[in-house]
Amino acid sequence: MIIKNLLLQFFDNIYSIINSILGFPWISIVPNKYIPYLAPISLIIAGSLVDRHYTDRVQIFTNSIALNVLFYSSVYNYAYYGSLFLSFFTWYANIGLIMGMIALYSYAIKGSNSKIYYTIAWAYSSLVVGVFYFFR
């Protein structure tokens, strides 16, 4: 009985220590105004590290979809962005969507694309698309 109580007390102490470290919401030390930017910043960092080695074809597709969704929602902020902003970036997003579909198709058939294609496709890398998030 004494050993059982000692073990229970020992494990209770261990649990208290672990809970004091892991039970604290670490994100609460970040000021509230920066919390909405944590997810995009982490995605930009992860994407740019991957993009350093290569821009994946599926990533081109997903990034172009993200751009299109972002600019589609920007249409509702027309007065803020103005027509020149929307026309230029609508073209940019649409070209990205075409490039993304080409990339996805070539990935599906196990084909490859030219170096020129991948050079242009860098404009739809995670780093570039992530930066657009902050200007929405």
N, C-alpha and C. Protein backbone atom coordinates (compact mmCIF):
# COMPACT_ATOMS: atom_id res chain seq x y z
N MET A 1 0.82 -1.19 0.00
CA MET A 1 0.00 0.00 0.00
C MET A 1 0.87 1.27 0.00
N ILE A 2 1.95 1.24 0.76
CA ILE A 2 2.85 2.40 0.82
C ILE A 2 3.54 2.59 -0.52
N ILE A 3 3.95 1.50 -1.16
CA ILE A 3 4.61 1.58 -2.48
C ILE A 3 3.63 2.12 -3.50
N LYS A 4 2.39 1.68 -3.42
CA LYS A 4 1.36 2.16 -4.35
C LYS A 4 1.17 3.66 -4.19
N ASN A 5 1.08 4.15 -2.96
CA ASN A 5 0.91 5.58 -2.71
C ASN A 5 2.13 6.38 -3.18
N LEU A 6 3.33 5.83 -2.96
CA LEU A 6 4.55 6.50 -3.42
C LEU A 6 4.58 6.59 -4.95
N LEU A 7 4.20 5.49 -5.61
CA LEU A 7 4.16 5.49 -7.08
C LEU A 7 3.11 6.47 -7.59
N LEU A 8 1.95 6.48 -6.97
CA LEU A 8 0.90 7.41 -7.38
C LEU A 8 1.35 8.86 -7.19
N GLN A 9 2.01 9.13 -6.09
CA GLN A 9 2.50 10.48 -5.84
C GLN A 9 3.60 10.85 -6.84
N PHE A 10 4.48 9.89 -7.12
CA PHE A 10 5.55 10.12 -8.09
C PHE A 10 4.97 10.45 -9.46
N PHE A 11 4.03 9.61 -9.92
CA PHE A 11 3.45 9.85 -11.25
C PHE A 11 2.58 11.11 -11.27
N ASP A 12 1.97 11.45 -10.14
CA ASP A 12 1.21 12.69 -10.06
C ASP A 12 2.15 13.89 -10.18
N ASN A 13 3.32 13.82 -9.57
CA ASN A 13 4.31 14.88 -9.69
C ASN A 13 4.83 15.00 -11.13
N ILE A 14 5.09 13.87 -11.75
CA ILE A 14 5.54 13.86 -13.14
C ILE A 14 4.46 14.49 -14.03
N TYR A 15 3.22 14.07 -13.80
CA TYR A 15 2.11 14.63 -14.59
C TYR A 15 2.00 16.14 -14.38
N SER A 16 2.15 16.61 -13.17
CA SER A 16 2.07 18.04 -12.88
C SER A 16 3.17 18.82 -13.60
N ILE A 17 4.37 18.26 -13.62
CA ILE A 17 5.48 18.92 -14.32
C ILE A 17 5.21 18.98 -15.82
N ILE A 18 4.82 17.84 -16.38
CA ILE A 18 4.54 17.80 -17.82
C ILE A 18 3.37 18.72 -18.15
N ASN A 19 2.33 18.70 -17.33
CA ASN A 19 1.16 19.54 -17.59
C ASN A 19 1.50 21.02 -17.47
N SER A 20 2.40 21.37 -16.57
CA SER A 20 2.77 22.78 -16.44
C SER A 20 3.54 23.27 -17.67
N ILE A 21 4.23 22.35 -18.34
CA ILE A 21 4.97 22.72 -19.55
C ILE A 21 4.07 22.63 -20.78
N LEU A 22 3.42 21.48 -20.96
CA LEU A 22 2.64 21.26 -22.17
C LEU A 22 1.20 21.75 -22.05
N GLY A 23 0.70 21.93 -20.84
CA GLY A 23 -0.68 22.36 -20.65
C GLY A 23 -0.86 23.86 -20.81
N PHE A 24 0.25 24.59 -20.94
CA PHE A 24 0.20 26.04 -21.12
C PHE A 24 0.08 26.34 -22.61
N PRO A 25 -0.89 27.16 -23.01
CA PRO A 25 -1.00 27.49 -24.44
C PRO A 25 0.12 28.45 -24.86
N TRP A 26 1.16 27.90 -25.44
CA TRP A 26 2.34 28.67 -25.80
C TRP A 26 2.02 29.83 -26.74
N ILE A 27 1.01 29.63 -27.55
CA ILE A 27 0.67 30.67 -28.51
C ILE A 27 0.18 31.93 -27.81
N SER A 28 -0.22 31.81 -26.56
CA SER A 28 -0.73 32.98 -25.84
C SER A 28 0.36 34.01 -25.52
N ILE A 29 1.62 33.63 -25.69
CA ILE A 29 2.69 34.62 -25.47
C ILE A 29 2.87 35.54 -26.68
N VAL A 30 2.26 35.17 -27.80
CA VAL A 30 2.31 36.00 -29.00
C VAL A 30 1.21 37.05 -28.90
N PRO A 31 1.51 38.31 -29.18
CA PRO A 31 0.46 39.34 -29.14
C PRO A 31 -0.69 38.99 -30.09
N ASN A 32 -1.89 39.29 -29.68
CA ASN A 32 -3.09 38.92 -30.44
C ASN A 32 -3.10 39.43 -31.88
N LYS A 33 -2.52 40.59 -32.11
CA LYS A 33 -2.55 41.13 -33.47
C LYS A 33 -1.69 40.33 -34.46
N TYR A 34 -0.77 39.51 -33.95
CA TYR A 34 0.09 38.71 -34.83
C TYR A 34 -0.40 37.28 -35.02
N ILE A 35 -1.31 36.82 -34.21
CA ILE A 35 -1.77 35.43 -34.29
C ILE A 35 -2.36 35.08 -35.66
N PRO A 36 -3.17 35.94 -36.30
CA PRO A 36 -3.69 35.56 -37.63
C PRO A 36 -2.61 35.34 -38.68
N TYR A 37 -1.41 35.87 -38.44
CA TYR A 37 -0.33 35.75 -39.42
C TYR A 37 0.58 34.54 -39.18
N LEU A 38 0.38 33.84 -38.07
CA LEU A 38 1.26 32.71 -37.77
C LEU A 38 1.14 31.57 -38.79
N ALA A 39 -0.09 31.23 -39.17
CA ALA A 39 -0.27 30.15 -40.14
C ALA A 39 0.33 30.50 -41.50
N PRO A 40 0.01 31.67 -42.08
CA PRO A 40 0.63 31.97 -43.37
C PRO A 40 2.14 32.10 -43.30
N ILE A 41 2.67 32.65 -42.21
CA ILE A 41 4.13 32.77 -42.09
C ILE A 41 4.77 31.40 -42.04
N SER A 42 4.17 30.48 -41.29
CA SER A 42 4.74 29.13 -41.23
C SER A 42 4.66 28.44 -42.58
N LEU A 43 3.58 28.66 -43.32
CA LEU A 43 3.47 28.07 -44.66
C LEU A 43 4.46 28.70 -45.63
N ILE A 44 4.69 29.99 -45.50
CA ILE A 44 5.68 30.65 -46.36
C ILE A 44 7.07 30.10 -46.08
N ILE A 45 7.40 29.95 -44.81
CA ILE A 45 8.72 29.42 -44.45
C ILE A 45 8.88 27.99 -44.96
N ALA A 46 7.89 27.15 -44.70
CA ALA A 46 7.98 25.75 -45.16
C ALA A 46 8.01 25.68 -46.68
N GLY A 47 7.17 26.45 -47.33
CA GLY A 47 7.14 26.44 -48.79
C GLY A 47 8.42 26.95 -49.40
N SER A 48 8.99 27.99 -48.82
CA SER A 48 10.23 28.53 -49.39
C SER A 48 11.39 27.57 -49.19
N LEU A 49 11.39 26.81 -48.10
CA LEU A 49 12.44 25.81 -47.91
C LEU A 49 12.32 24.70 -48.95
N VAL A 50 11.09 24.30 -49.25
CA VAL A 50 10.88 23.27 -50.28
C VAL A 50 11.20 23.84 -51.65
N ASP A 51 10.76 25.08 -51.90
CA ASP A 51 10.98 25.71 -53.21
C ASP A 51 12.45 25.94 -53.50
N ARG A 52 13.28 25.97 -52.48
CA ARG A 52 14.70 26.16 -52.69
C ARG A 52 15.30 25.05 -53.55
N HIS A 53 14.77 23.85 -53.37
CA HIS A 53 15.30 22.71 -54.11
C HIS A 53 14.55 22.50 -55.43
N TYR A 54 13.24 22.65 -55.41
CA TYR A 54 12.46 22.51 -56.63
C TYR A 54 11.04 22.99 -56.36
N THR A 55 10.36 23.39 -57.42
CA THR A 55 8.96 23.74 -57.32
C THR A 55 8.16 22.57 -57.85
N ASP A 56 7.46 21.93 -56.97
CA ASP A 56 6.70 20.74 -57.31
C ASP A 56 5.51 21.11 -58.19
N ARG A 57 5.16 20.22 -59.09
CA ARG A 57 4.05 20.49 -60.00
C ARG A 57 2.72 20.58 -59.26
N VAL A 58 2.51 19.75 -58.28
CA VAL A 58 1.27 19.82 -57.52
C VAL A 58 1.22 21.12 -56.74
N GLN A 59 2.35 21.57 -56.27
CA GLN A 59 2.43 22.83 -55.52
C GLN A 59 2.07 24.01 -56.42
N ILE A 60 2.46 23.98 -57.66
CA ILE A 60 2.09 25.04 -58.59
C ILE A 60 0.57 25.10 -58.72
N PHE A 61 -0.05 23.94 -58.82
CA PHE A 61 -1.51 23.87 -58.93
C PHE A 61 -2.19 24.41 -57.67
N THR A 62 -1.77 23.93 -56.50
CA THR A 62 -2.41 24.37 -55.26
C THR A 62 -2.17 25.85 -54.99
N ASN A 63 -0.98 26.34 -55.29
CA ASN A 63 -0.71 27.77 -55.10
C ASN A 63 -1.53 28.62 -56.06
N SER A 64 -1.71 28.16 -57.29
CA SER A 64 -2.53 28.94 -58.22
C SER A 64 -3.99 28.94 -57.80
N ILE A 65 -4.47 27.84 -57.23
CA ILE A 65 -5.84 27.81 -56.69
C ILE A 65 -5.94 28.81 -55.53
N ALA A 66 -4.95 28.81 -54.65
CA ALA A 66 -4.96 29.74 -53.52
C ALA A 66 -4.99 31.19 -54.01
N LEU A 67 -4.22 31.49 -55.05
CA LEU A 67 -4.22 32.85 -55.60
C LEU A 67 -5.59 33.21 -56.16
N ASN A 68 -6.20 32.29 -56.88
CA ASN A 68 -7.51 32.56 -57.46
C ASN A 68 -8.56 32.80 -56.39
N VAL A 69 -8.53 32.01 -55.34
CA VAL A 69 -9.48 32.21 -54.24
C VAL A 69 -9.23 33.56 -53.57
N LEU A 70 -7.97 33.90 -53.36
CA LEU A 70 -7.62 35.18 -52.73
C LEU A 70 -8.11 36.35 -53.58
N PHE A 71 -7.86 36.31 -54.88
CA PHE A 71 -8.26 37.43 -55.73
C PHE A 71 -9.76 37.44 -55.99
N TYR A 72 -10.39 36.29 -55.95
CA TYR A 72 -11.84 36.26 -56.07
C TYR A 72 -12.47 36.98 -54.89
N SER A 73 -11.94 36.73 -53.69
CA SER A 73 -12.47 37.42 -52.52
C SER A 73 -12.10 38.90 -52.55
N SER A 74 -11.06 39.28 -53.27
CA SER A 74 -10.66 40.68 -53.38
C SER A 74 -11.64 41.49 -54.23
N VAL A 75 -12.40 40.82 -55.08
CA VAL A 75 -13.37 41.52 -55.90
C VAL A 75 -14.36 42.26 -55.01
N TYR A 76 -14.65 41.70 -53.85
CA TYR A 76 -15.57 42.35 -52.93
C TYR A 76 -14.94 43.58 -52.29
N ASN A 77 -13.65 43.72 -52.38
CA ASN A 77 -12.95 44.90 -51.86
C ASN A 77 -12.51 45.80 -53.02
N TYR A 78 -13.32 45.86 -54.05
CA TYR A 78 -12.98 46.58 -55.28
C TYR A 78 -12.60 48.03 -55.01
N ALA A 79 -13.34 48.69 -54.14
CA ALA A 79 -13.06 50.10 -53.87
C ALA A 79 -11.69 50.27 -53.23
N TYR A 80 -11.28 49.31 -52.43
CA TYR A 80 -9.99 49.41 -51.76
C TYR A 80 -8.84 49.15 -52.72
N TYR A 81 -8.97 48.12 -53.53
CA TYR A 81 -7.85 47.73 -54.40
C TYR A 81 -7.81 48.52 -55.71
N GLY A 82 -8.94 48.88 -56.23
CA GLY A 82 -8.98 49.61 -57.49
C GLY A 82 -8.94 48.67 -58.68
N SER A 83 -9.32 49.18 -59.83
CA SER A 83 -9.47 48.33 -61.01
C SER A 83 -8.14 47.87 -61.58
N LEU A 84 -7.10 48.69 -61.53
CA LEU A 84 -5.81 48.30 -62.09
C LEU A 84 -5.23 47.12 -61.33
N PHE A 85 -5.31 47.18 -60.00
CA PHE A 85 -4.83 46.07 -59.18
C PHE A 85 -5.56 44.78 -59.54
N LEU A 86 -6.87 44.85 -59.60
CA LEU A 86 -7.65 43.64 -59.85
C LEU A 86 -7.44 43.11 -61.26
N SER A 87 -7.33 43.98 -62.26
CA SER A 87 -7.15 43.47 -63.61
C SER A 87 -5.79 42.80 -63.77
N PHE A 88 -4.74 43.41 -63.25
CA PHE A 88 -3.41 42.81 -63.36
C PHE A 88 -3.34 41.47 -62.62
N PHE A 89 -3.82 41.44 -61.39
CA PHE A 89 -3.71 40.23 -60.60
C PHE A 89 -4.75 39.18 -60.99
N THR A 90 -5.83 39.59 -61.61
CA THR A 90 -6.75 38.59 -62.15
C THR A 90 -6.08 37.84 -63.30
N TRP A 91 -5.39 38.59 -64.16
CA TRP A 91 -4.62 37.94 -65.23
C TRP A 91 -3.55 37.02 -64.65
N TYR A 92 -2.85 37.52 -63.65
CA TYR A 92 -1.79 36.74 -63.00
C TYR A 92 -2.35 35.44 -62.42
N ALA A 93 -3.48 35.53 -61.74
CA ALA A 93 -4.11 34.35 -61.14
C ALA A 93 -4.60 33.39 -62.20
N ASN A 94 -5.17 33.91 -63.28
CA ASN A 94 -5.68 33.05 -64.35
C ASN A 94 -4.55 32.32 -65.08
N ILE A 95 -3.46 33.03 -65.34
CA ILE A 95 -2.30 32.38 -65.96
C ILE A 95 -1.76 31.30 -65.02
N GLY A 96 -1.73 31.60 -63.73
CA GLY A 96 -1.31 30.60 -62.75
C GLY A 96 -2.20 29.38 -62.74
N LEU A 97 -3.49 29.59 -62.90
CA LEU A 97 -4.42 28.45 -62.94
C LEU A 97 -4.14 27.57 -64.17
N ILE A 98 -3.88 28.20 -65.30
CA ILE A 98 -3.54 27.43 -66.51
C ILE A 98 -2.24 26.66 -66.30
N MET A 99 -1.23 27.35 -65.73
CA MET A 99 0.05 26.68 -65.47
C MET A 99 -0.13 25.55 -64.46
N GLY A 100 -0.98 25.78 -63.47
CA GLY A 100 -1.24 24.74 -62.48
C GLY A 100 -1.91 23.52 -63.09
N MET A 101 -2.84 23.74 -64.01
CA MET A 101 -3.49 22.61 -64.68
C MET A 101 -2.50 21.85 -65.56
N ILE A 102 -1.64 22.58 -66.24
CA ILE A 102 -0.59 21.93 -67.04
C ILE A 102 0.32 21.10 -66.14
N ALA A 103 0.69 21.68 -65.01
CA ALA A 103 1.57 20.98 -64.07
C ALA A 103 0.91 19.72 -63.53
N LEU A 104 -0.35 19.83 -63.16
CA LEU A 104 -1.07 18.67 -62.63
C LEU A 104 -1.23 17.59 -63.68
N TYR A 105 -1.52 18.00 -64.92
CA TYR A 105 -1.65 17.03 -66.01
C TYR A 105 -0.33 16.32 -66.28
N SER A 106 0.77 17.08 -66.34
CA SER A 106 2.07 16.46 -66.60
C SER A 106 2.48 15.54 -65.45
N TYR A 107 2.07 15.89 -64.25
CA TYR A 107 2.34 15.02 -63.09
C TYR A 107 1.55 13.73 -63.21
N ALA A 108 0.29 13.85 -63.64
CA ALA A 108 -0.58 12.67 -63.74
C ALA A 108 -0.09 11.70 -64.81
N ILE A 109 0.45 12.22 -65.91
CA ILE A 109 0.92 11.32 -66.98
C ILE A 109 2.40 11.00 -66.85
N LYS A 110 2.99 11.46 -65.74
CA LYS A 110 4.42 11.23 -65.47
C LYS A 110 5.31 11.84 -66.54
N GLY A 111 4.87 12.98 -67.06
CA GLY A 111 5.66 13.72 -68.05
C GLY A 111 6.53 14.74 -67.36
N SER A 112 7.18 15.54 -68.16
CA SER A 112 8.01 16.61 -67.60
C SER A 112 7.76 17.89 -68.38
N ASN A 113 8.17 18.99 -67.81
CA ASN A 113 8.00 20.29 -68.44
C ASN A 113 9.38 20.90 -68.70
N SER A 114 9.40 21.93 -69.51
CA SER A 114 10.67 22.55 -69.88
C SER A 114 11.21 23.42 -68.74
N LYS A 115 12.48 23.77 -68.86
CA LYS A 115 13.10 24.66 -67.87
C LYS A 115 12.44 26.04 -67.89
N ILE A 116 12.03 26.47 -69.06
CA ILE A 116 11.34 27.77 -69.17
C ILE A 116 10.05 27.74 -68.36
N TYR A 117 9.32 26.63 -68.46
CA TYR A 117 8.08 26.48 -67.70
C TYR A 117 8.35 26.62 -66.21
N TYR A 118 9.35 25.91 -65.71
CA TYR A 118 9.65 25.96 -64.27
C TYR A 118 10.18 27.32 -63.84
N THR A 119 10.87 28.03 -64.74
CA THR A 119 11.32 29.37 -64.43
C THR A 119 10.12 30.30 -64.25
N ILE A 120 9.16 30.20 -65.15
CA ILE A 120 7.94 31.01 -65.04
C ILE A 120 7.12 30.55 -63.84
N ALA A 121 7.09 29.26 -63.60
CA ALA A 121 6.29 28.71 -62.51
C ALA A 121 6.78 29.16 -61.14
N TRP A 122 8.02 29.62 -61.05
CA TRP A 122 8.51 30.11 -59.77
C TRP A 122 7.68 31.30 -59.29
N ALA A 123 7.04 32.01 -60.22
CA ALA A 123 6.17 33.13 -59.86
C ALA A 123 4.95 32.65 -59.08
N TYR A 124 4.73 31.35 -59.04
CA TYR A 124 3.61 30.77 -58.29
C TYR A 124 4.12 29.89 -57.15
N SER A 125 5.33 30.17 -56.70
CA SER A 125 5.91 29.41 -55.59
C SER A 125 5.24 29.83 -54.28
N SER A 126 5.45 29.06 -53.25
CA SER A 126 4.84 29.34 -51.96
C SER A 126 5.26 30.69 -51.40
N LEU A 127 6.49 31.06 -51.63
CA LEU A 127 6.99 32.34 -51.12
C LEU A 127 6.23 33.50 -51.76
N VAL A 128 6.08 33.47 -53.06
CA VAL A 128 5.40 34.55 -53.78
C VAL A 128 3.91 34.58 -53.41
N VAL A 129 3.27 33.42 -53.43
CA VAL A 129 1.84 33.35 -53.10
C VAL A 129 1.60 33.75 -51.65
N GLY A 130 2.49 33.35 -50.77
CA GLY A 130 2.35 33.71 -49.37
C GLY A 130 2.45 35.20 -49.15
N VAL A 131 3.30 35.87 -49.89
CA VAL A 131 3.44 37.32 -49.75
C VAL A 131 2.14 38.01 -50.15
N PHE A 132 1.45 37.49 -51.15
CA PHE A 132 0.18 38.08 -51.57
C PHE A 132 -0.86 38.04 -50.45
N TYR A 133 -0.76 37.07 -49.58
CA TYR A 133 -1.72 36.96 -48.47
C TYR A 133 -1.70 38.22 -47.60
N PHE A 134 -0.53 38.78 -47.41
CA PHE A 134 -0.40 39.94 -46.54
C PHE A 134 -0.93 41.22 -47.17
N PHE A 135 -1.11 41.21 -48.49
CA PHE A 135 -1.61 42.40 -49.17
C PHE A 135 -3.06 42.26 -49.59
N ARG A 136 -3.73 41.32 -49.01
CA ARG A 136 -5.14 41.12 -49.37
C ARG A 136 -6.02 42.11 -48.68
